[in-house]
Amino acid sequence: MNSDLAAYVHTFGMPERLREHLASQGRSGELASVQSKLDQVLADTSDFLYAQRDPIRWGSEFEQELFLYLSARHGWLNRDGFRPIRSFAGWLSWHEGLSAP
């Protein structure tokens, strides 16, 4: 799932990249299931970011909190899989004005 996540998320979810990735592995039939799981990780990331009471101060402590939150909900998520999530979270925080100045 972590390599699927890396193929799918480049700032945000890109279904065509995921489709190509799964096809290259002979897993085209898993598209709906895999995309659903990955979309849930993105939704949980968004929920975590929007639940912050104060502007987000990005740093190792906040990233660790986000990783622990997500890995508790998605037991398959590892640090490699977290990298694209961090990219998505940073973009979303900037785009939505959630980050501290």
PDB file of N, CA and C in Angstrom:
ATOM      1  N   MET A   1       0.815  -1.195   0.000  1.00  0.00           N
ATOM      2  CA  MET A   1       0.000   0.000   0.000  1.00  0.00           C
ATOM      3  C   MET A   1       0.864   1.268   0.000  1.00  0.00           C
ATOM      4  N   ASN A   2       2.022   1.218   0.629  1.00  0.00           N
ATOM      5  CA  ASN A   2       2.867   2.405   0.686  1.00  0.00           C
ATOM      6  C   ASN A   2       3.372   2.805  -0.695  1.00  0.00           C
ATOM      7  N   SER A   3       3.749   1.831  -1.515  1.00  0.00           N
ATOM      8  CA  SER A   3       4.171   2.167  -2.884  1.00  0.00           C
ATOM      9  C   SER A   3       2.978   2.642  -3.706  1.00  0.00           C
ATOM     10  N   ASP A   4       1.789   2.115  -3.416  1.00  0.00           N
ATOM     11  CA  ASP A   4       0.575   2.584  -4.090  1.00  0.00           C
ATOM     12  C   ASP A   4       0.322   4.047  -3.735  1.00  0.00           C
ATOM     13  N   LEU A   5       0.520   4.367  -2.469  1.00  0.00           N
ATOM     14  CA  LEU A   5       0.332   5.738  -2.001  1.00  0.00           C
ATOM     15  C   LEU A   5       1.302   6.683  -2.692  1.00  0.00           C
ATOM     16  N   ALA A   6       2.551   6.259  -2.822  1.00  0.00           N
ATOM     17  CA  ALA A   6       3.554   7.090  -3.494  1.00  0.00           C
ATOM     18  C   ALA A   6       3.199   7.312  -4.956  1.00  0.00           C
ATOM     19  N   ALA A   7       2.605   6.313  -5.598  1.00  0.00           N
ATOM     20  CA  ALA A   7       2.200   6.459  -6.998  1.00  0.00           C
ATOM     21  C   ALA A   7       0.976   7.362  -7.128  1.00  0.00           C
ATOM     22  N   TYR A   8       0.104   7.341  -6.153  1.00  0.00           N
ATOM     23  CA  TYR A   8      -1.178   8.053  -6.217  1.00  0.00           C
ATOM     24  C   TYR A   8      -1.073   9.526  -5.835  1.00  0.00           C
ATOM     25  N   VAL A   9      -0.321   9.821  -4.795  1.00  0.00           N
ATOM     26  CA  VAL A   9      -0.315  11.179  -4.242  1.00  0.00           C
ATOM     27  C   VAL A   9       0.917  11.947  -4.694  1.00  0.00           C
ATOM     28  N   HIS A  10       0.678  12.993  -5.435  1.00  0.00           N
ATOM     29  CA  HIS A  10       1.690  13.982  -5.815  1.00  0.00           C
ATOM     30  C   HIS A  10       1.017  15.326  -5.597  1.00  0.00           C
ATOM     31  N   THR A  11       1.146  15.848  -4.427  1.00  0.00           N
ATOM     32  CA  THR A  11       0.457  17.012  -3.908  1.00  0.00           C
ATOM     33  C   THR A  11      -0.985  16.670  -3.577  1.00  0.00           C
ATOM     34  N   PHE A  12      -1.668  15.958  -4.435  1.00  0.00           N
ATOM     35  CA  PHE A  12      -3.030  15.476  -4.175  1.00  0.00           C
ATOM     36  C   PHE A  12      -3.204  14.186  -4.956  1.00  0.00           C
ATOM     37  N   GLY A  13      -4.318  13.502  -4.747  1.00  0.00           N
ATOM     38  CA  GLY A  13      -4.550  12.224  -5.403  1.00  0.00           C
ATOM     39  C   GLY A  13      -4.655  12.346  -6.914  1.00  0.00           C
ATOM     40  N   MET A  14      -3.969  11.457  -7.612  1.00  0.00           N
ATOM     41  CA  MET A  14      -3.975  11.449  -9.074  1.00  0.00           C
ATOM     42  C   MET A  14      -4.378  10.044  -9.544  1.00  0.00           C
ATOM     43  N   PRO A  15      -5.673   9.839  -9.792  1.00  0.00           N
ATOM     44  CA  PRO A  15      -6.177   8.506 -10.135  1.00  0.00           C
ATOM     45  C   PRO A  15      -5.484   7.856 -11.332  1.00  0.00           C
ATOM     46  N   GLU A  16      -5.128   8.623 -12.346  1.00  0.00           N
ATOM     47  CA  GLU A  16      -4.498   8.026 -13.522  1.00  0.00           C
ATOM     48  C   GLU A  16      -3.134   7.427 -13.171  1.00  0.00           C
ATOM     49  N   ARG A  17      -2.384   8.104 -12.330  1.00  0.00           N
ATOM     50  CA  ARG A  17      -1.076   7.567 -11.910  1.00  0.00           C
ATOM     51  C   ARG A  17      -1.255   6.266 -11.134  1.00  0.00           C
ATOM     52  N   LEU A  18      -2.275   6.214 -10.281  1.00  0.00           N
ATOM     53  CA  LEU A  18      -2.541   4.989  -9.531  1.00  0.00           C
ATOM     54  C   LEU A  18      -2.959   3.867 -10.474  1.00  0.00           C
ATOM     55  N   ARG A  19      -3.814   4.183 -11.415  1.00  0.00           N
ATOM     56  CA  ARG A  19      -4.268   3.187 -12.398  1.00  0.00           C
ATOM     57  C   ARG A  19      -3.067   2.595 -13.147  1.00  0.00           C
ATOM     58  N   GLU A  20      -2.168   3.452 -13.608  1.00  0.00           N
ATOM     59  CA  GLU A  20      -0.975   2.991 -14.328  1.00  0.00           C
ATOM     60  C   GLU A  20      -0.066   2.154 -13.423  1.00  0.00           C
ATOM     61  N   HIS A  21       0.099   2.582 -12.201  1.00  0.00           N
ATOM     62  CA  HIS A  21       0.938   1.865 -11.238  1.00  0.00           C
ATOM     63  C   HIS A  21       0.396   0.459 -10.991  1.00  0.00           C
ATOM     64  N   LEU A  22      -0.891   0.363 -10.726  1.00  0.00           N
ATOM     65  CA  LEU A  22      -1.481  -0.951 -10.456  1.00  0.00           C
ATOM     66  C   LEU A  22      -1.440  -1.840 -11.694  1.00  0.00           C
ATOM     67  N   ALA A  23      -1.679  -1.256 -12.862  1.00  0.00           N
ATOM     68  CA  ALA A  23      -1.625  -2.035 -14.109  1.00  0.00           C
ATOM     69  C   ALA A  23      -0.223  -2.595 -14.325  1.00  0.00           C
ATOM     70  N   SER A  24       0.797  -1.805 -14.012  1.00  0.00           N
ATOM     71  CA  SER A  24       2.177  -2.263 -14.209  1.00  0.00           C
ATOM     72  C   SER A  24       2.525  -3.430 -13.285  1.00  0.00           C
ATOM     73  N   GLN A  25       1.756  -3.593 -12.232  1.00  0.00           N
ATOM     74  CA  GLN A  25       1.979  -4.684 -11.282  1.00  0.00           C
ATOM     75  C   GLN A  25       0.971  -5.816 -11.459  1.00  0.00           C
ATOM     76  N   GLY A  26       0.150  -5.726 -12.509  1.00  0.00           N
ATOM     77  CA  GLY A  26      -0.860  -6.748 -12.742  1.00  0.00           C
ATOM     78  C   GLY A  26      -1.972  -6.738 -11.708  1.00  0.00           C
ATOM     79  N   ARG A  27      -2.254  -5.556 -11.160  1.00  0.00           N
ATOM     80  CA  ARG A  27      -3.248  -5.431 -10.089  1.00  0.00           C
ATOM     81  C   ARG A  27      -4.400  -4.511 -10.467  1.00  0.00           C
ATOM     82  N   SER A  28      -4.708  -4.400 -11.739  1.00  0.00           N
ATOM     83  CA  SER A  28      -5.761  -3.489 -12.194  1.00  0.00           C
ATOM     84  C   SER A  28      -7.090  -3.746 -11.508  1.00  0.00           C
ATOM     85  N   GLY A  29      -7.378  -4.983 -11.204  1.00  0.00           N
ATOM     86  CA  GLY A  29      -8.639  -5.333 -10.556  1.00  0.00           C
ATOM     87  C   GLY A  29      -8.773  -4.811  -9.137  1.00  0.00           C
ATOM     88  N   GLU A  30      -7.697  -4.328  -8.565  1.00  0.00           N
ATOM     89  CA  GLU A  30      -7.711  -3.814  -7.195  1.00  0.00           C
ATOM     90  C   GLU A  30      -7.920  -2.303  -7.128  1.00  0.00           C
ATOM     91  N   LEU A  31      -8.076  -1.654  -8.273  1.00  0.00           N
ATOM     92  CA  LEU A  31      -8.114  -0.191  -8.314  1.00  0.00           C
ATOM     93  C   LEU A  31      -9.120   0.403  -7.337  1.00  0.00           C
ATOM     94  N   ALA A  32     -10.364  -0.026  -7.387  1.00  0.00           N
ATOM     95  CA  ALA A  32     -11.397   0.576  -6.538  1.00  0.00           C
ATOM     96  C   ALA A  32     -11.067   0.407  -5.057  1.00  0.00           C
ATOM     97  N   SER A  33     -10.637  -0.778  -4.678  1.00  0.00           N
ATOM     98  CA  SER A  33     -10.323  -1.048  -3.277  1.00  0.00           C
ATOM     99  C   SER A  33      -9.123  -0.231  -2.803  1.00  0.00           C
ATOM    100  N   VAL A  34      -8.064  -0.229  -3.590  1.00  0.00           N
ATOM    101  CA  VAL A  34      -6.851   0.507  -3.212  1.00  0.00           C
ATOM    102  C   VAL A  34      -7.132   2.004  -3.166  1.00  0.00           C
ATOM    103  N   GLN A  35      -7.805   2.527  -4.177  1.00  0.00           N
ATOM    104  CA  GLN A  35      -8.083   3.963  -4.199  1.00  0.00           C
ATOM    105  C   GLN A  35      -8.951   4.366  -3.016  1.00  0.00           C
ATOM    106  N   SER A  36      -9.901   3.538  -2.651  1.00  0.00           N
ATOM    107  CA  SER A  36     -10.745   3.832  -1.495  1.00  0.00           C
ATOM    108  C   SER A  36      -9.912   3.939  -0.217  1.00  0.00           C
ATOM    109  N   LYS A  37      -8.988   3.010  -0.024  1.00  0.00           N
ATOM    110  CA  LYS A  37      -8.126   3.042   1.165  1.00  0.00           C
ATOM    111  C   LYS A  37      -7.229   4.274   1.168  1.00  0.00           C
ATOM    112  N   LEU A  38      -6.685   4.609   0.016  1.00  0.00           N
ATOM    113  CA  LEU A  38      -5.799   5.772  -0.062  1.00  0.00           C
ATOM    114  C   LEU A  38      -6.577   7.070   0.115  1.00  0.00           C
ATOM    115  N   ASP A  39      -7.775   7.133  -0.450  1.00  0.00           N
ATOM    116  CA  ASP A  39      -8.612   8.323  -0.257  1.00  0.00           C
ATOM    117  C   ASP A  39      -8.975   8.507   1.213  1.00  0.00           C
ATOM    118  N   GLN A  40      -9.133   7.404   1.933  1.00  0.00           N
ATOM    119  CA  GLN A  40      -9.436   7.509   3.360  1.00  0.00           C
ATOM    120  C   GLN A  40      -8.252   8.091   4.124  1.00  0.00           C
ATOM    121  N   VAL A  41      -7.036   7.726   3.741  1.00  0.00           N
ATOM    122  CA  VAL A  41      -5.849   8.315   4.380  1.00  0.00           C
ATOM    123  C   VAL A  41      -5.825   9.823   4.129  1.00  0.00           C
ATOM    124  N   LEU A  42      -6.127  10.243   2.908  1.00  0.00           N
ATOM    125  CA  LEU A  42      -6.156  11.677   2.595  1.00  0.00           C
ATOM    126  C   LEU A  42      -7.253  12.377   3.391  1.00  0.00           C
ATOM    127  N   ALA A  43      -8.411  11.746   3.513  1.00  0.00           N
ATOM    128  CA  ALA A  43      -9.509  12.335   4.285  1.00  0.00           C
ATOM    129  C   ALA A  43      -9.127  12.446   5.760  1.00  0.00           C
ATOM    130  N   ASP A  44      -8.494  11.411   6.302  1.00  0.00           N
ATOM    131  CA  ASP A  44      -8.060  11.465   7.698  1.00  0.00           C
ATOM    132  C   ASP A  44      -7.002  12.545   7.901  1.00  0.00           C
ATOM    133  N   THR A  45      -6.142  12.729   6.919  1.00  0.00           N
ATOM    134  CA  THR A  45      -5.138  13.793   6.988  1.00  0.00           C
ATOM    135  C   THR A  45      -5.825  15.155   7.031  1.00  0.00           C
ATOM    136  N   SER A  46      -6.776  15.360   6.144  1.00  0.00           N
ATOM    137  CA  SER A  46      -7.524  16.623   6.115  1.00  0.00           C
ATOM    138  C   SER A  46      -8.227  16.863   7.442  1.00  0.00           C
ATOM    139  N   ASP A  47      -8.892  15.838   7.960  1.00  0.00           N
ATOM    140  CA  ASP A  47      -9.596  15.974   9.239  1.00  0.00           C
ATOM    141  C   ASP A  47      -8.638  16.384  10.351  1.00  0.00           C
ATOM    142  N   PHE A  48      -7.462  15.765  10.384  1.00  0.00           N
ATOM    143  CA  PHE A  48      -6.472  16.092  11.407  1.00  0.00           C
ATOM    144  C   PHE A  48      -6.035  17.549  11.285  1.00  0.00           C
ATOM    145  N   LEU A  49      -5.776  17.989  10.085  1.00  0.00           N
ATOM    146  CA  LEU A  49      -5.319  19.364   9.878  1.00  0.00           C
ATOM    147  C   LEU A  49      -6.389  20.373  10.271  1.00  0.00           C
ATOM    148  N   TYR A  50      -7.618  20.134   9.848  1.00  0.00           N
ATOM    149  CA  TYR A  50      -8.702  21.063  10.164  1.00  0.00           C
ATOM    150  C   TYR A  50      -9.069  21.056  11.640  1.00  0.00           C
ATOM    151  N   ALA A  51      -8.727  19.996  12.363  1.00  0.00           N
ATOM    152  CA  ALA A  51      -9.051  19.902  13.785  1.00  0.00           C
ATOM    153  C   ALA A  51      -8.073  20.683  14.663  1.00  0.00           C
ATOM    154  N   GLN A  52      -6.996  21.177  14.087  1.00  0.00           N
ATOM    155  CA  GLN A  52      -6.010  21.922  14.873  1.00  0.00           C
ATOM    156  C   GLN A  52      -6.613  23.248  15.326  1.00  0.00           C
ATOM    157  N   ARG A  53      -6.448  23.557  16.595  1.00  0.00           N
ATOM    158  CA  ARG A  53      -7.027  24.786  17.140  1.00  0.00           C
ATOM    159  C   ARG A  53      -6.214  26.023  16.774  1.00  0.00           C
ATOM    160  N   ASP A  54      -4.930  25.835  16.659  1.00  0.00           N
ATOM    161  CA  ASP A  54      -4.036  26.949  16.348  1.00  0.00           C
ATOM    162  C   ASP A  54      -3.472  26.754  14.952  1.00  0.00           C
ATOM    163  N   PRO A  55      -2.932  27.828  14.357  1.00  0.00           N
ATOM    164  CA  PRO A  55      -2.267  27.653  13.062  1.00  0.00           C
ATOM    165  C   PRO A  55      -1.176  26.585  13.168  1.00  0.00           C
ATOM    166  N   ILE A  56      -1.029  25.817  12.129  1.00  0.00           N
ATOM    167  CA  ILE A  56      -0.080  24.705  12.124  1.00  0.00           C
ATOM    168  C   ILE A  56       1.344  25.225  11.995  1.00  0.00           C
ATOM    169  N   ARG A  57       2.181  24.784  12.900  1.00  0.00           N
ATOM    170  CA  ARG A  57       3.611  25.097  12.854  1.00  0.00           C
ATOM    171  C   ARG A  57       4.327  23.815  12.439  1.00  0.00           C
ATOM    172  N   TRP A  58       4.661  23.770  11.162  1.00  0.00           N
ATOM    173  CA  TRP A  58       5.291  22.567  10.629  1.00  0.00           C
ATOM    174  C   TRP A  58       6.680  22.393  11.202  1.00  0.00           C
ATOM    175  N   GLY A  59       6.964  21.206  11.601  1.00  0.00           N
ATOM    176  CA  GLY A  59       8.258  20.827  12.145  1.00  0.00           C
ATOM    177  C   GLY A  59       8.204  19.356  12.501  1.00  0.00           C
ATOM    178  N   SER A  60       9.294  18.846  13.021  1.00  0.00           N
ATOM    179  CA  SER A  60       9.366  17.405  13.292  1.00  0.00           C
ATOM    180  C   SER A  60       8.323  16.958  14.317  1.00  0.00           C
ATOM    181  N   GLU A  61       8.032  17.796  15.302  1.00  0.00           N
ATOM    182  CA  GLU A  61       7.048  17.416  16.320  1.00  0.00           C
ATOM    183  C   GLU A  61       5.649  17.278  15.715  1.00  0.00           C
ATOM    184  N   PHE A  62       5.242  18.255  14.916  1.00  0.00           N
ATOM    185  CA  PHE A  62       3.915  18.178  14.308  1.00  0.00           C
ATOM    186  C   PHE A  62       3.844  17.027  13.309  1.00  0.00           C
ATOM    187  N   GLU A  63       4.889  16.841  12.530  1.00  0.00           N
ATOM    188  CA  GLU A  63       4.904  15.738  11.566  1.00  0.00           C
ATOM    189  C   GLU A  63       4.800  14.395  12.280  1.00  0.00           C
ATOM    190  N   GLN A  64       5.465  14.265  13.424  1.00  0.00           N
ATOM    191  CA  GLN A  64       5.384  13.027  14.200  1.00  0.00           C
ATOM    192  C   GLN A  64       3.963  12.811  14.708  1.00  0.00           C
ATOM    193  N   GLU A  65       3.312  13.861  15.182  1.00  0.00           N
ATOM    194  CA  GLU A  65       1.922  13.746  15.637  1.00  0.00           C
ATOM    195  C   GLU A  65       1.019  13.278  14.498  1.00  0.00           C
ATOM    196  N   LEU A  66       1.195  13.865  13.335  1.00  0.00           N
ATOM    197  CA  LEU A  66       0.388  13.482  12.176  1.00  0.00           C
ATOM    198  C   LEU A  66       0.665  12.034  11.788  1.00  0.00           C
ATOM    199  N   PHE A  67       1.932  11.645  11.755  1.00  0.00           N
ATOM    200  CA  PHE A  67       2.274  10.267  11.410  1.00  0.00           C
ATOM    201  C   PHE A  67       1.651   9.283  12.400  1.00  0.00           C
ATOM    202  N   LEU A  68       1.764   9.553  13.678  1.00  0.00           N
ATOM    203  CA  LEU A  68       1.203   8.650  14.688  1.00  0.00           C
ATOM    204  C   LEU A  68      -0.313   8.560  14.566  1.00  0.00           C
ATOM    205  N   TYR A  69      -0.963   9.685  14.322  1.00  0.00           N
ATOM    206  CA  TYR A  69      -2.419   9.707  14.133  1.00  0.00           C
ATOM    207  C   TYR A  69      -2.816   8.818  12.957  1.00  0.00           C
ATOM    208  N   LEU A  70      -2.132   8.986  11.841  1.00  0.00           N
ATOM    209  CA  LEU A  70      -2.488   8.224  10.639  1.00  0.00           C
ATOM    210  C   LEU A  70      -2.098   6.753  10.750  1.00  0.00           C
ATOM    211  N   SER A  71      -0.929   6.467  11.291  1.00  0.00           N
ATOM    212  CA  SER A  71      -0.498   5.067  11.373  1.00  0.00           C
ATOM    213  C   SER A  71      -1.344   4.280  12.369  1.00  0.00           C
ATOM    214  N   ALA A  72      -1.930   4.952  13.357  1.00  0.00           N
ATOM    215  CA  ALA A  72      -2.844   4.265  14.276  1.00  0.00           C
ATOM    216  C   ALA A  72      -4.130   3.851  13.561  1.00  0.00           C
ATOM    217  N   ARG A  73      -4.532   4.613  12.555  1.00  0.00           N
ATOM    218  CA  ARG A  73      -5.754   4.321  11.802  1.00  0.00           C
ATOM    219  C   ARG A  73      -5.504   3.427  10.593  1.00  0.00           C
ATOM    220  N   HIS A  74      -4.291   3.467  10.107  1.00  0.00           N
ATOM    221  CA  HIS A  74      -3.919   2.716   8.903  1.00  0.00           C
ATOM    222  C   HIS A  74      -2.624   1.975   9.229  1.00  0.00           C
ATOM    223  N   GLY A  75      -2.760   0.788   9.789  1.00  0.00           N
ATOM    224  CA  GLY A  75      -1.626   0.030  10.297  1.00  0.00           C
ATOM    225  C   GLY A  75      -0.549  -0.284   9.269  1.00  0.00           C
ATOM    226  N   TRP A  76      -0.877  -0.221   8.006  1.00  0.00           N
ATOM    227  CA  TRP A  76       0.085  -0.511   6.939  1.00  0.00           C
ATOM    228  C   TRP A  76       0.991   0.682   6.627  1.00  0.00           C
ATOM    229  N   LEU A  77       0.628   1.878   7.079  1.00  0.00           N
ATOM    230  CA  LEU A  77       1.374   3.089   6.727  1.00  0.00           C
ATOM    231  C   LEU A  77       2.742   3.095   7.406  1.00  0.00           C
ATOM    232  N   ASN A  78       3.786   3.291   6.608  1.00  0.00           N
ATOM    233  CA  ASN A  78       5.136   3.421   7.166  1.00  0.00           C
ATOM    234  C   ASN A  78       5.707   4.787   6.771  1.00  0.00           C
ATOM    235  N   ARG A  79       6.942   5.041   7.152  1.00  0.00           N
ATOM    236  CA  ARG A  79       7.565   6.349   6.884  1.00  0.00           C
ATOM    237  C   ARG A  79       7.678   6.642   5.394  1.00  0.00           C
ATOM    238  N   ASP A  80       7.960   5.620   4.593  1.00  0.00           N
ATOM    239  CA  ASP A  80       8.035   5.846   3.145  1.00  0.00           C
ATOM    240  C   ASP A  80       6.678   6.270   2.601  1.00  0.00           C
ATOM    241  N   GLY A  81       5.630   5.621   3.051  1.00  0.00           N
ATOM    242  CA  GLY A  81       4.286   5.984   2.616  1.00  0.00           C
ATOM    243  C   GLY A  81       3.850   7.342   3.137  1.00  0.00           C
ATOM    244  N   PHE A  82       4.436   7.753   4.254  1.00  0.00           N
ATOM    245  CA  PHE A  82       4.074   9.037   4.842  1.00  0.00           C
ATOM    246  C   PHE A  82       4.607  10.215   4.031  1.00  0.00           C
ATOM    247  N   ARG A  83       5.698  10.026   3.296  1.00  0.00           N
ATOM    248  CA  ARG A  83       6.292  11.144   2.543  1.00  0.00           C
ATOM    249  C   ARG A  83       5.286  11.839   1.623  1.00  0.00           C
ATOM    250  N   PRO A  84       4.552  11.113   0.779  1.00  0.00           N
ATOM    251  CA  PRO A  84       3.583  11.818  -0.066  1.00  0.00           C
ATOM    252  C   PRO A  84       2.435  12.425   0.740  1.00  0.00           C
ATOM    253  N   ILE A  85       2.103  11.815   1.872  1.00  0.00           N
ATOM    254  CA  ILE A  85       1.071  12.392   2.734  1.00  0.00           C
ATOM    255  C   ILE A  85       1.565  13.720   3.296  1.00  0.00           C
ATOM    256  N   ARG A  86       2.830  13.776   3.677  1.00  0.00           N
ATOM    257  CA  ARG A  86       3.412  15.028   4.185  1.00  0.00           C
ATOM    258  C   ARG A  86       3.354  16.109   3.115  1.00  0.00           C
ATOM    259  N   SER A  87       3.625  15.732   1.886  1.00  0.00           N
ATOM    260  CA  SER A  87       3.547  16.679   0.774  1.00  0.00           C
ATOM    261  C   SER A  87       2.117  17.188   0.604  1.00  0.00           C
ATOM    262  N   PHE A  88       1.156  16.275   0.617  1.00  0.00           N
ATOM    263  CA  PHE A  88      -0.259  16.643   0.508  1.00  0.00           C
ATOM    264  C   PHE A  88      -0.665  17.551   1.666  1.00  0.00           C
ATOM    265  N   ALA A  89      -0.267  17.186   2.887  1.00  0.00           N
ATOM    266  CA  ALA A  89      -0.648  17.958   4.067  1.00  0.00           C
ATOM    267  C   ALA A  89      -0.056  19.365   4.025  1.00  0.00           C
ATOM    268  N   GLY A  90       1.187  19.472   3.598  1.00  0.00           N
ATOM    269  CA  GLY A  90       1.807  20.789   3.484  1.00  0.00           C
ATOM    270  C   GLY A  90       1.110  21.658   2.460  1.00  0.00           C
ATOM    271  N   TRP A  91       0.777  21.061   1.314  1.00  0.00           N
ATOM    272  CA  TRP A  91       0.072  21.809   0.281  1.00  0.00           C
ATOM    273  C   TRP A  91      -1.306  22.238   0.778  1.00  0.00           C
ATOM    274  N   LEU A  92      -2.049  21.307   1.393  1.00  0.00           N
ATOM    275  CA  LEU A  92      -3.393  21.627   1.874  1.00  0.00           C
ATOM    276  C   LEU A  92      -3.342  22.726   2.929  1.00  0.00           C
ATOM    277  N   SER A  93      -2.383  22.634   3.833  1.00  0.00           N
ATOM    278  CA  SER A  93      -2.244  23.655   4.879  1.00  0.00           C
ATOM    279  C   SER A  93      -1.975  25.026   4.282  1.00  0.00           C
ATOM    280  N   TRP A  94      -1.099  25.068   3.299  1.00  0.00           N
ATOM    281  CA  TRP A  94      -0.800  26.337   2.635  1.00  0.00           C
ATOM    282  C   TRP A  94      -2.031  26.833   1.867  1.00  0.00           C
ATOM    283  N   HIS A  95      -2.628  25.965   1.081  1.00  0.00           N
ATOM    284  CA  HIS A  95      -3.754  26.340   0.223  1.00  0.00           C
ATOM    285  C   HIS A  95      -4.944  26.844   1.035  1.00  0.00           C
ATOM    286  N   GLU A  96      -5.186  26.225   2.172  1.00  0.00           N
ATOM    287  CA  GLU A  96      -6.344  26.572   2.996  1.00  0.00           C
ATOM    288  C   GLU A  96      -6.019  27.587   4.088  1.00  0.00           C
ATOM    289  N   GLY A  97      -4.789  28.052   4.132  1.00  0.00           N
ATOM    290  CA  GLY A  97      -4.406  29.047   5.133  1.00  0.00           C
ATOM    291  C   GLY A  97      -4.364  28.495   6.551  1.00  0.00           C
ATOM    292  N   LEU A  98      -4.020  27.219   6.699  1.00  0.00           N
ATOM    293  CA  LEU A  98      -3.988  26.586   8.015  1.00  0.00           C
ATOM    294  C   LEU A  98      -2.631  26.704   8.695  1.00  0.00           C
ATOM    295  N   SER A  99      -1.603  27.046   7.952  1.00  0.00           N
ATOM    296  CA  SER A  99      -0.246  27.110   8.504  1.00  0.00           C
ATOM    297  C   SER A  99       0.004  28.444   9.189  1.00  0.00           C
ATOM    298  N   ALA A 100       0.853  28.388  10.209  1.00  0.00           N
ATOM    299  CA  ALA A 100       1.256  29.612  10.895  1.00  0.00           C
ATOM    300  C   ALA A 100       2.117  30.439   9.948  1.00  0.00           C
ATOM    301  N   PRO A 101       2.001  31.763  10.055  1.00  0.00           N
ATOM    302  CA  PRO A 101       2.829  32.621   9.183  1.00  0.00           C
ATOM    303  C   PRO A 101       4.305  32.493   9.489  1.00  0.00           C
TER     304      PRO A 101
END
